[in-house]
Full PDB file with SEQRES, HELIX, SHEET, SSBOND, CRYST1, ORIGX, SCALE, CONECT and MASTER records, all heavy atoms in Angstrom:
SEQRES   1 A   35  PRO THR VAL LEU ALA GLU ILE LEU ARG GLU LYS GLY PHE          
SEQRES   2 A   35  PRO VAL THR ARG GLU LYS ILE LEU SER PRO SER LEU LEU          
SEQRES   3 A   35  ALA SER LEU PHE LEU LYS ARG GLU GLY                          
HELIX    1 AA1 THR A    2  GLU A   10  1                                   9    
HELIX    2 AA2 ARG A   17  LYS A   19  5                                   3    
HELIX    3 AA3 PRO A   23  ARG A   33  1                                  11    
CRYST1    1.000    1.000    1.000  90.00  90.00  90.00 P 1           1          
ORIGX1      1.000000  0.000000  0.000000        0.00000                         
ORIGX2      0.000000  1.000000  0.000000        0.00000                         
ORIGX3      0.000000  0.000000  1.000000        0.00000                         
SCALE1      1.000000  0.000000  0.000000        0.00000                         
SCALE2      0.000000  1.000000  0.000000        0.00000                         
SCALE3      0.000000  0.000000  1.000000        0.00000                         
ATOM      1  N   PRO A   1       0.806  -1.230   0.000  1.00  0.00           N  
ATOM      2  CA  PRO A   1       0.000   0.000   0.000  1.00  0.00           C  
ATOM      3  C   PRO A   1       0.839   1.279   0.000  1.00  0.00           C  
ATOM      4  O   PRO A   1       0.518   2.233  -0.716  1.00  0.00           O  
ATOM      5  CB  PRO A   1      -0.822  -0.131   1.285  1.00  0.00           C  
ATOM      6  CG  PRO A   1      -0.921  -1.601   1.522  1.00  0.00           C  
ATOM      7  CD  PRO A   1       0.390  -2.165   1.058  1.00  0.00           C  
ATOM      8  N   THR A   2       1.920   1.295   0.782  1.00  0.00           N  
ATOM      9  CA  THR A   2       2.754   2.507   0.841  1.00  0.00           C  
ATOM     10  C   THR A   2       3.447   2.757  -0.497  1.00  0.00           C  
ATOM     11  O   THR A   2       3.569   3.898  -0.937  1.00  0.00           O  
ATOM     12  CB  THR A   2       3.823   2.374   1.938  1.00  0.00           C  
ATOM     13  OG1 THR A   2       4.519   1.126   1.780  1.00  0.00           O  
ATOM     14  CG2 THR A   2       3.192   2.417   3.318  1.00  0.00           C  
ATOM     15  N   VAL A   3       3.892   1.686  -1.145  1.00  0.00           N  
ATOM     16  CA  VAL A   3       4.561   1.812  -2.443  1.00  0.00           C  
ATOM     17  C   VAL A   3       3.568   2.268  -3.503  1.00  0.00           C  
ATOM     18  O   VAL A   3       3.882   3.112  -4.350  1.00  0.00           O  
ATOM     19  CB  VAL A   3       5.219   0.478  -2.853  1.00  0.00           C  
ATOM     20  CG1 VAL A   3       5.754   0.556  -4.285  1.00  0.00           C  
ATOM     21  CG2 VAL A   3       6.341   0.115  -1.888  1.00  0.00           C  
ATOM     22  N   LEU A   4       2.359   1.721  -3.455  1.00  0.00           N  
ATOM     23  CA  LEU A   4       1.334   2.106  -4.419  1.00  0.00           C  
ATOM     24  C   LEU A   4       1.023   3.601  -4.310  1.00  0.00           C  
ATOM     25  O   LEU A   4       0.870   4.291  -5.321  1.00  0.00           O  
ATOM     26  CB  LEU A   4       0.069   1.279  -4.196  1.00  0.00           C  
ATOM     27  CG  LEU A   4      -1.083   1.512  -5.178  1.00  0.00           C  
ATOM     28  CD1 LEU A   4      -0.651   1.235  -6.603  1.00  0.00           C  
ATOM     29  CD2 LEU A   4      -2.275   0.635  -4.797  1.00  0.00           C  
ATOM     30  N   ALA A   5       0.944   4.097  -3.086  1.00  0.00           N  
ATOM     31  CA  ALA A   5       0.703   5.530  -2.881  1.00  0.00           C  
ATOM     32  C   ALA A   5       1.827   6.359  -3.495  1.00  0.00           C  
ATOM     33  O   ALA A   5       1.581   7.391  -4.140  1.00  0.00           O  
ATOM     34  CB  ALA A   5       0.567   5.829  -1.393  1.00  0.00           C  
ATOM     35  N   GLU A   6       3.063   5.911  -3.333  1.00  0.00           N  
ATOM     36  CA  GLU A   6       4.212   6.625  -3.902  1.00  0.00           C  
ATOM     37  C   GLU A   6       4.143   6.651  -5.425  1.00  0.00           C  
ATOM     38  O   GLU A   6       4.403   7.674  -6.062  1.00  0.00           O  
ATOM     39  CB  GLU A   6       5.515   5.965  -3.445  1.00  0.00           C  
ATOM     40  CG  GLU A   6       5.818   6.153  -1.965  1.00  0.00           C  
ATOM     41  CD  GLU A   6       7.023   5.319  -1.522  1.00  0.00           C  
ATOM     42  OE1 GLU A   6       7.674   4.717  -2.398  1.00  0.00           O  
ATOM     43  OE2 GLU A   6       7.296   5.273  -0.305  1.00  0.00           O  
ATOM     44  N   ILE A   7       3.796   5.504  -6.011  1.00  0.00           N  
ATOM     45  CA  ILE A   7       3.693   5.407  -7.473  1.00  0.00           C  
ATOM     46  C   ILE A   7       2.649   6.380  -7.994  1.00  0.00           C  
ATOM     47  O   ILE A   7       2.881   7.116  -8.963  1.00  0.00           O  
ATOM     48  CB  ILE A   7       3.335   3.971  -7.902  1.00  0.00           C  
ATOM     49  CG1 ILE A   7       4.501   3.019  -7.613  1.00  0.00           C  
ATOM     50  CG2 ILE A   7       2.968   3.917  -9.387  1.00  0.00           C  
ATOM     51  CD1 ILE A   7       4.161   1.543  -7.811  1.00  0.00           C  
ATOM     52  N   LEU A   8       1.488   6.405  -7.354  1.00  0.00           N  
ATOM     53  CA  LEU A   8       0.407   7.272  -7.823  1.00  0.00           C  
ATOM     54  C   LEU A   8       0.747   8.753  -7.640  1.00  0.00           C  
ATOM     55  O   LEU A   8       0.388   9.588  -8.477  1.00  0.00           O  
ATOM     56  CB  LEU A   8      -0.892   6.926  -7.099  1.00  0.00           C  
ATOM     57  CG  LEU A   8      -1.476   5.541  -7.431  1.00  0.00           C  
ATOM     58  CD1 LEU A   8      -2.743   5.290  -6.624  1.00  0.00           C  
ATOM     59  CD2 LEU A   8      -1.762   5.421  -8.919  1.00  0.00           C  
ATOM     60  N   ARG A   9       1.449   9.081  -6.564  1.00  0.00           N  
ATOM     61  CA  ARG A   9       1.879  10.478  -6.382  1.00  0.00           C  
ATOM     62  C   ARG A   9       2.832  10.890  -7.506  1.00  0.00           C  
ATOM     63  O   ARG A   9       2.758  12.004  -8.025  1.00  0.00           O  
ATOM     64  CB  ARG A   9       2.552  10.660  -5.021  1.00  0.00           C  
ATOM     65  CG  ARG A   9       1.578  10.846  -3.875  1.00  0.00           C  
ATOM     66  CD  ARG A   9       2.235  11.452  -2.653  1.00  0.00           C  
ATOM     67  NE  ARG A   9       3.323  10.632  -2.139  1.00  0.00           N  
ATOM     68  CZ  ARG A   9       3.171   9.608  -1.296  1.00  0.00           C  
ATOM     69  NH1 ARG A   9       1.959   9.281  -0.884  1.00  0.00           N  
ATOM     70  NH2 ARG A   9       4.203   8.921  -0.869  1.00  0.00           N  
ATOM     71  N   GLU A  10       3.723   9.975  -7.873  1.00  0.00           N  
ATOM     72  CA  GLU A  10       4.665  10.264  -8.956  1.00  0.00           C  
ATOM     73  C   GLU A  10       3.934  10.481 -10.282  1.00  0.00           C  
ATOM     74  O   GLU A  10       4.415  11.196 -11.158  1.00  0.00           O  
ATOM     75  CB  GLU A  10       5.666   9.116  -9.100  1.00  0.00           C  
ATOM     76  CG  GLU A  10       6.672   9.037  -7.963  1.00  0.00           C  
ATOM     77  CD  GLU A  10       7.544   7.790  -8.029  1.00  0.00           C  
ATOM     78  OE1 GLU A  10       7.348   6.980  -8.981  1.00  0.00           O  
ATOM     79  OE2 GLU A  10       8.412   7.616  -7.155  1.00  0.00           O  
ATOM     80  N   LYS A  11       2.768   9.851 -10.412  1.00  0.00           N  
ATOM     81  CA  LYS A  11       1.970   9.994 -11.633  1.00  0.00           C  
ATOM     82  C   LYS A  11       1.071  11.231 -11.598  1.00  0.00           C  
ATOM     83  O   LYS A  11       0.360  11.504 -12.561  1.00  0.00           O  
ATOM     84  CB  LYS A  11       1.103   8.747 -11.835  1.00  0.00           C  
ATOM     85  CG  LYS A  11       1.882   7.461 -12.033  1.00  0.00           C  
ATOM     86  CD  LYS A  11       2.664   7.442 -13.327  1.00  0.00           C  
ATOM     87  CE  LYS A  11       3.346   6.098 -13.548  1.00  0.00           C  
ATOM     88  NZ  LYS A  11       4.085   6.051 -14.833  1.00  0.00           N  
ATOM     89  N   GLY A  12       1.097  11.956 -10.477  1.00  0.00           N  
ATOM     90  CA  GLY A  12       0.343  13.197 -10.403  1.00  0.00           C  
ATOM     91  C   GLY A  12      -0.902  13.162  -9.552  1.00  0.00           C  
ATOM     92  O   GLY A  12      -1.563  14.194  -9.385  1.00  0.00           O  
ATOM     93  N   PHE A  13      -1.268  12.019  -9.005  1.00  0.00           N  
ATOM     94  CA  PHE A  13      -2.469  11.929  -8.180  1.00  0.00           C  
ATOM     95  C   PHE A  13      -2.188  12.460  -6.771  1.00  0.00           C  
ATOM     96  O   PHE A  13      -1.150  12.141  -6.178  1.00  0.00           O  
ATOM     97  CB  PHE A  13      -2.944  10.483  -8.082  1.00  0.00           C  
ATOM     98  CG  PHE A  13      -3.552   9.940  -9.341  1.00  0.00           C  
ATOM     99  CD1 PHE A  13      -2.779   9.214 -10.239  1.00  0.00           C  
ATOM    100  CD2 PHE A  13      -4.884  10.169  -9.642  1.00  0.00           C  
ATOM    101  CE1 PHE A  13      -3.325   8.718 -11.410  1.00  0.00           C  
ATOM    102  CE2 PHE A  13      -5.446   9.680 -10.814  1.00  0.00           C  
ATOM    103  CZ  PHE A  13      -4.665   8.948 -11.711  1.00  0.00           C  
ATOM    104  N   PRO A  14      -3.101  13.254  -6.210  1.00  0.00           N  
ATOM    105  CA  PRO A  14      -2.916  13.788  -4.853  1.00  0.00           C  
ATOM    106  C   PRO A  14      -3.268  12.727  -3.804  1.00  0.00           C  
ATOM    107  O   PRO A  14      -4.240  12.863  -3.051  1.00  0.00           O  
ATOM    108  CB  PRO A  14      -3.890  14.971  -4.819  1.00  0.00           C  
ATOM    109  CG  PRO A  14      -5.004  14.547  -5.736  1.00  0.00           C  
ATOM    110  CD  PRO A  14      -4.347  13.758  -6.830  1.00  0.00           C  
ATOM    111  N   VAL A  15      -2.475  11.678  -3.756  1.00  0.00           N  
ATOM    112  CA  VAL A  15      -2.787  10.502  -2.940  1.00  0.00           C  
ATOM    113  C   VAL A  15      -1.840  10.397  -1.748  1.00  0.00           C  
ATOM    114  O   VAL A  15      -0.629  10.502  -1.894  1.00  0.00           O  
ATOM    115  CB  VAL A  15      -2.688   9.213  -3.779  1.00  0.00           C  
ATOM    116  CG1 VAL A  15      -2.890   7.986  -2.907  1.00  0.00           C  
ATOM    117  CG2 VAL A  15      -3.727   9.213  -4.882  1.00  0.00           C  
ATOM    118  N   THR A  16      -2.417  10.162  -0.583  1.00  0.00           N  
ATOM    119  CA  THR A  16      -1.639   9.785   0.591  1.00  0.00           C  
ATOM    120  C   THR A  16      -1.960   8.332   0.901  1.00  0.00           C  
ATOM    121  O   THR A  16      -2.898   7.753   0.337  1.00  0.00           O  
ATOM    122  CB  THR A  16      -2.026  10.646   1.812  1.00  0.00           C  
ATOM    123  OG1 THR A  16      -3.417  10.427   2.107  1.00  0.00           O  
ATOM    124  CG2 THR A  16      -1.781  12.118   1.541  1.00  0.00           C  
ATOM    125  N   ARG A  17      -1.195   7.738   1.787  1.00  0.00           N  
ATOM    126  CA  ARG A  17      -1.439   6.348   2.172  1.00  0.00           C  
ATOM    127  C   ARG A  17      -2.873   6.177   2.684  1.00  0.00           C  
ATOM    128  O   ARG A  17      -3.521   5.157   2.430  1.00  0.00           O  
ATOM    129  CB  ARG A  17      -0.410   5.937   3.256  1.00  0.00           C  
ATOM    130  CG  ARG A  17      -0.704   4.658   3.987  1.00  0.00           C  
ATOM    131  CD  ARG A  17      -0.645   3.445   3.072  1.00  0.00           C  
ATOM    132  NE  ARG A  17      -1.299   2.313   3.677  1.00  0.00           N  
ATOM    133  CZ  ARG A  17      -2.603   2.077   3.622  1.00  0.00           C  
ATOM    134  NH1 ARG A  17      -3.418   2.910   2.995  1.00  0.00           N  
ATOM    135  NH2 ARG A  17      -3.107   1.014   4.193  1.00  0.00           N  
ATOM    136  N   GLU A  18      -3.374   7.185   3.374  1.00  0.00           N  
ATOM    137  CA  GLU A  18      -4.720   7.121   3.957  1.00  0.00           C  
ATOM    138  C   GLU A  18      -5.827   7.185   2.915  1.00  0.00           C  
ATOM    139  O   GLU A  18      -6.984   6.896   3.217  1.00  0.00           O  
ATOM    140  CB  GLU A  18      -4.909   8.257   4.966  1.00  0.00           C  
ATOM    141  CG  GLU A  18      -4.052   8.146   6.220  1.00  0.00           C  
ATOM    142  CD  GLU A  18      -2.574   8.409   5.961  1.00  0.00           C  
ATOM    143  OE1 GLU A  18      -2.268   9.174   5.025  1.00  0.00           O  
ATOM    144  OE2 GLU A  18      -1.730   7.840   6.689  1.00  0.00           O  
ATOM    145  N   LYS A  19      -5.475   7.568   1.687  1.00  0.00           N  
ATOM    146  CA  LYS A  19      -6.464   7.664   0.614  1.00  0.00           C  
ATOM    147  C   LYS A  19      -6.592   6.358  -0.174  1.00  0.00           C  
ATOM    148  O   LYS A  19      -7.338   6.307  -1.157  1.00  0.00           O  
ATOM    149  CB  LYS A  19      -6.075   8.789  -0.359  1.00  0.00           C  
ATOM    150  CG  LYS A  19      -6.343  10.186   0.164  1.00  0.00           C  
ATOM    151  CD  LYS A  19      -7.823  10.531   0.102  1.00  0.00           C  
ATOM    152  CE  LYS A  19      -8.068  11.998   0.420  1.00  0.00           C  
ATOM    153  NZ  LYS A  19      -9.515  12.311   0.415  1.00  0.00           N  
ATOM    154  N   ILE A  20      -5.862   5.332   0.229  1.00  0.00           N  
ATOM    155  CA  ILE A  20      -5.894   4.062  -0.489  1.00  0.00           C  
ATOM    156  C   ILE A  20      -6.413   2.958   0.417  1.00  0.00           C  
ATOM    157  O   ILE A  20      -5.936   2.782   1.541  1.00  0.00           O  
ATOM    158  CB  ILE A  20      -4.490   3.681  -1.008  1.00  0.00           C  
ATOM    159  CG1 ILE A  20      -4.019   4.676  -2.068  1.00  0.00           C  
ATOM    160  CG2 ILE A  20      -4.491   2.278  -1.591  1.00  0.00           C  
ATOM    161  CD1 ILE A  20      -2.650   4.386  -2.628  1.00  0.00           C  
ATOM    162  N   LEU A  21      -7.393   2.228  -0.079  1.00  0.00           N  
ATOM    163  CA  LEU A  21      -7.847   1.017   0.601  1.00  0.00           C  
ATOM    164  C   LEU A  21      -7.568  -0.156  -0.324  1.00  0.00           C  
ATOM    165  O   LEU A  21      -8.156  -0.266  -1.395  1.00  0.00           O  
ATOM    166  CB  LEU A  21      -9.341   1.085   0.931  1.00  0.00           C  
ATOM    167  CG  LEU A  21      -9.906  -0.162   1.634  1.00  0.00           C  
ATOM    168  CD1 LEU A  21      -9.193  -0.417   2.955  1.00  0.00           C  
ATOM    169  CD2 LEU A  21     -11.406  -0.026   1.861  1.00  0.00           C  
ATOM    170  N   SER A  22      -6.637  -1.002   0.086  1.00  0.00           N  
ATOM    171  CA  SER A  22      -6.303  -2.198  -0.693  1.00  0.00           C  
ATOM    172  C   SER A  22      -6.526  -3.438   0.160  1.00  0.00           C  
ATOM    173  O   SER A  22      -6.560  -3.354   1.391  1.00  0.00           O  
ATOM    174  CB  SER A  22      -4.847  -2.132  -1.164  1.00  0.00           C  
ATOM    175  OG  SER A  22      -3.973  -2.481  -0.103  1.00  0.00           O  
ATOM    176  N   PRO A  23      -6.678  -4.603  -0.476  1.00  0.00           N  
ATOM    177  CA  PRO A  23      -6.909  -5.835   0.289  1.00  0.00           C  
ATOM    178  C   PRO A  23      -5.756  -6.226   1.210  1.00  0.00           C  
ATOM    179  O   PRO A  23      -5.965  -7.007   2.131  1.00  0.00           O  
ATOM    180  CB  PRO A  23      -7.104  -6.888  -0.805  1.00  0.00           C  
ATOM    181  CG  PRO A  23      -7.492  -6.133  -2.015  1.00  0.00           C  
ATOM    182  CD  PRO A  23      -6.755  -4.828  -1.916  1.00  0.00           C  
ATOM    183  N   SER A  24      -4.562  -5.696   0.973  1.00  0.00           N  
ATOM    184  CA  SER A  24      -3.405  -6.100   1.775  1.00  0.00           C  
ATOM    185  C   SER A  24      -3.632  -5.860   3.263  1.00  0.00           C  
ATOM    186  O   SER A  24      -3.373  -6.736   4.096  1.00  0.00           O  
ATOM    187  CB  SER A  24      -2.150  -5.344   1.323  1.00  0.00           C  
ATOM    188  OG  SER A  24      -1.827  -5.632  -0.003  1.00  0.00           O  
ATOM    189  N   LEU A  25      -4.104  -4.667   3.607  1.00  0.00           N  
ATOM    190  CA  LEU A  25      -4.305  -4.338   5.015  1.00  0.00           C  
ATOM    191  C   LEU A  25      -5.413  -5.186   5.625  1.00  0.00           C  
ATOM    192  O   LEU A  25      -5.291  -5.679   6.750  1.00  0.00           O  
ATOM    193  CB  LEU A  25      -4.620  -2.854   5.161  1.00  0.00           C  
ATOM    194  CG  LEU A  25      -3.488  -1.911   4.740  1.00  0.00           C  
ATOM    195  CD1 LEU A  25      -3.943  -0.466   4.837  1.00  0.00           C  
ATOM    196  CD2 LEU A  25      -2.259  -2.142   5.608  1.00  0.00           C  
ATOM    197  N   LEU A  26      -6.507  -5.368   4.874  1.00  0.00           N  
ATOM    198  CA  LEU A  26      -7.582  -6.208   5.366  1.00  0.00           C  
ATOM    199  C   LEU A  26      -7.126  -7.654   5.486  1.00  0.00           C  
ATOM    200  O   LEU A  26      -7.540  -8.369   6.396  1.00  0.00           O  
ATOM    201  CB  LEU A  26      -8.792  -6.111   4.433  1.00  0.00           C  
ATOM    202  CG  LEU A  26      -9.501  -4.748   4.416  1.00  0.00           C  
ATOM    203  CD1 LEU A  26     -10.562  -4.719   3.337  1.00  0.00           C  
ATOM    204  CD2 LEU A  26     -10.125  -4.447   5.759  1.00  0.00           C  
ATOM    205  N   ALA A  27      -6.266  -8.088   4.566  1.00  0.00           N  
ATOM    206  CA  ALA A  27      -5.756  -9.457   4.605  1.00  0.00           C  
ATOM    207  C   ALA A  27      -4.996  -9.711   5.901  1.00  0.00           C  
ATOM    208  O   ALA A  27      -5.207 -10.726   6.577  1.00  0.00           O  
ATOM    209  CB  ALA A  27      -4.844  -9.714   3.409  1.00  0.00           C  
ATOM    210  N   SER A  28      -4.118  -8.793   6.256  1.00  0.00           N  
ATOM    211  CA  SER A  28      -3.328  -8.952   7.478  1.00  0.00           C  
ATOM    212  C   SER A  28      -4.224  -9.023   8.705  1.00  0.00           C  
ATOM    213  O   SER A  28      -4.080  -9.904   9.557  1.00  0.00           O  
ATOM    214  CB  SER A  28      -2.344  -7.794   7.612  1.00  0.00           C  
ATOM    215  OG  SER A  28      -1.596  -7.902   8.801  1.00  0.00           O  
ATOM    216  N   LEU A  29      -5.172  -8.100   8.791  1.00  0.00           N  
ATOM    217  CA  LEU A  29      -6.086  -8.076   9.939  1.00  0.00           C  
ATOM    218  C   LEU A  29      -6.920  -9.359  10.012  1.00  0.00           C  
ATOM    219  O   LEU A  29      -7.075  -9.957  11.080  1.00  0.00           O  
ATOM    220  CB  LEU A  29      -7.015  -6.868   9.839  1.00  0.00           C  
ATOM    221  CG  LEU A  29      -6.359  -5.490   9.976  1.00  0.00           C  
ATOM    222  CD1 LEU A  29      -7.363  -4.390   9.632  1.00  0.00           C  
ATOM    223  CD2 LEU A  29      -5.817  -5.279  11.382  1.00  0.00           C  
ATOM    224  N   PHE A  30      -7.423  -9.802   8.875  1.00  0.00           N  
ATOM    225  CA  PHE A  30      -8.302 -10.970   8.834  1.00  0.00           C  
ATOM    226  C   PHE A  30      -7.532 -12.238   9.175  1.00  0.00           C  
ATOM    227  O   PHE A  30      -8.002 -13.069   9.964  1.00  0.00           O  
ATOM    228  CB  PHE A  30      -8.926 -11.096   7.441  1.00  0.00           C  
ATOM    229  CG  PHE A  30     -10.134 -11.985   7.397  1.00  0.00           C  
ATOM    230  CD1 PHE A  30     -11.404 -11.456   7.553  1.00  0.00           C  
ATOM    231  CD2 PHE A  30     -10.009 -13.358   7.219  1.00  0.00           C  
ATOM    232  CE1 PHE A  30     -12.520 -12.269   7.525  1.00  0.00           C  
ATOM    233  CE2 PHE A  30     -11.111 -14.174   7.187  1.00  0.00           C  
ATOM    234  CZ  PHE A  30     -12.376 -13.634   7.344  1.00  0.00           C  
ATOM    235  N   LEU A  31      -6.351 -12.409   8.595  1.00  0.00           N  
ATOM    236  CA  LEU A  31      -5.565 -13.618   8.844  1.00  0.00           C  
ATOM    237  C   LEU A  31      -5.149 -13.726  10.307  1.00  0.00           C  
ATOM    238  O   LEU A  31      -5.193 -14.809  10.899  1.00  0.00           O  
ATOM    239  CB  LEU A  31      -4.331 -13.640   7.942  1.00  0.00           C  
ATOM    240  CG  LEU A  31      -4.586 -13.826   6.443  1.00  0.00           C  
ATOM    241  CD1 LEU A  31      -3.302 -13.633   5.655  1.00  0.00           C  
ATOM    242  CD2 LEU A  31      -5.186 -15.195   6.158  1.00  0.00           C  
ATOM    243  N   LYS A  32      -4.782 -12.610  10.901  1.00  0.00           N  
ATOM    244  CA  LYS A  32      -4.406 -12.624  12.321  1.00  0.00           C  
ATOM    245  C   LYS A  32      -5.609 -12.976  13.189  1.00  0.00           C  
ATOM    246  O   LYS A  32      -5.488 -13.731  14.161  1.00  0.00           O  
ATOM    247  CB  LYS A  32      -3.826 -11.266  12.717  1.00  0.00           C  
ATOM    248  CG  LYS A  32      -2.427 -11.023  12.151  1.00  0.00           C  
ATOM    249  CD  LYS A  32      -1.912  -9.638  12.483  1.00  0.00           C  
ATOM    250  CE  LYS A  32      -0.512  -9.433  11.906  1.00  0.00           C  
ATOM    251  NZ  LYS A  32       0.008  -8.068  12.138  1.00  0.00           N  
ATOM    252  N   ARG A  33      -6.756 -12.451  12.818  1.00  0.00           N  
ATOM    253  CA  ARG A  33      -7.975 -12.747  13.562  1.00  0.00           C  
ATOM    254  C   ARG A  33      -8.335 -14.237  13.461  1.00  0.00           C  
ATOM    255  O   ARG A  33      -8.890 -14.818  14.385  1.00  0.00           O  
ATOM    256  CB  ARG A  33      -9.130 -11.897  13.026  1.00  0.00           C  
ATOM    257  CG  ARG A  33     -10.363 -11.887  13.914  1.00  0.00           C  
ATOM    258  CD  ARG A  33     -11.384 -10.913  13.400  1.00  0.00           C  
ATOM    259  NE  ARG A  33     -11.945 -11.341  12.125  1.00  0.00           N  
ATOM    260  CZ  ARG A  33     -12.587 -10.532  11.293  1.00  0.00           C  
ATOM    261  NH1 ARG A  33     -12.723  -9.259  11.585  1.00  0.00           N  
ATOM    262  NH2 ARG A  33     -13.085 -10.986  10.171  1.00  0.00           N  
ATOM    263  N   GLU A  34      -7.997 -14.842  12.333  1.00  0.00           N  
ATOM    264  CA  GLU A  34      -8.272 -16.266  12.103  1.00  0.00           C  
ATOM    265  C   GLU A  34      -7.203 -17.171  12.706  1.00  0.00           C  
ATOM    266  O   GLU A  34      -7.302 -18.392  12.616  1.00  0.00           O  
ATOM    267  CB  GLU A  34      -8.373 -16.543  10.604  1.00  0.00           C  
ATOM    268  CG  GLU A  34      -9.594 -15.928   9.933  1.00  0.00           C  
ATOM    269  CD  GLU A  34     -10.881 -16.636  10.319  1.00  0.00           C  
ATOM    270  OE1 GLU A  34     -10.967 -17.854  10.095  1.00  0.00           O  
ATOM    271  OE2 GLU A  34     -11.786 -15.981  10.858  1.00  0.00           O  
ATOM    272  N   GLY A  35      -6.174 -16.576  13.304  1.00  0.00           N  
ATOM    273  CA  GLY A  35      -5.117 -17.359  13.940  1.00  0.00           C  
ATOM    274  C   GLY A  35      -4.124 -17.962  12.978  1.00  0.00           C  
ATOM    275  O   GLY A  35      -3.385 -18.906  13.323  1.00  0.00           O  
TER     276      GLY A  35                                                      
MASTER        0    0    0    3    0    0    0    6  275    1    0    3          
END                                                                             
């Protein structure tokens, strides 16, 4: 997610890390919850 935000900023999009929702973060939370 952090790298994706950097790529999009370089392309001109006014994007911060907080402006991106990707499955990666949800994946980590969900997998940990599932043990």
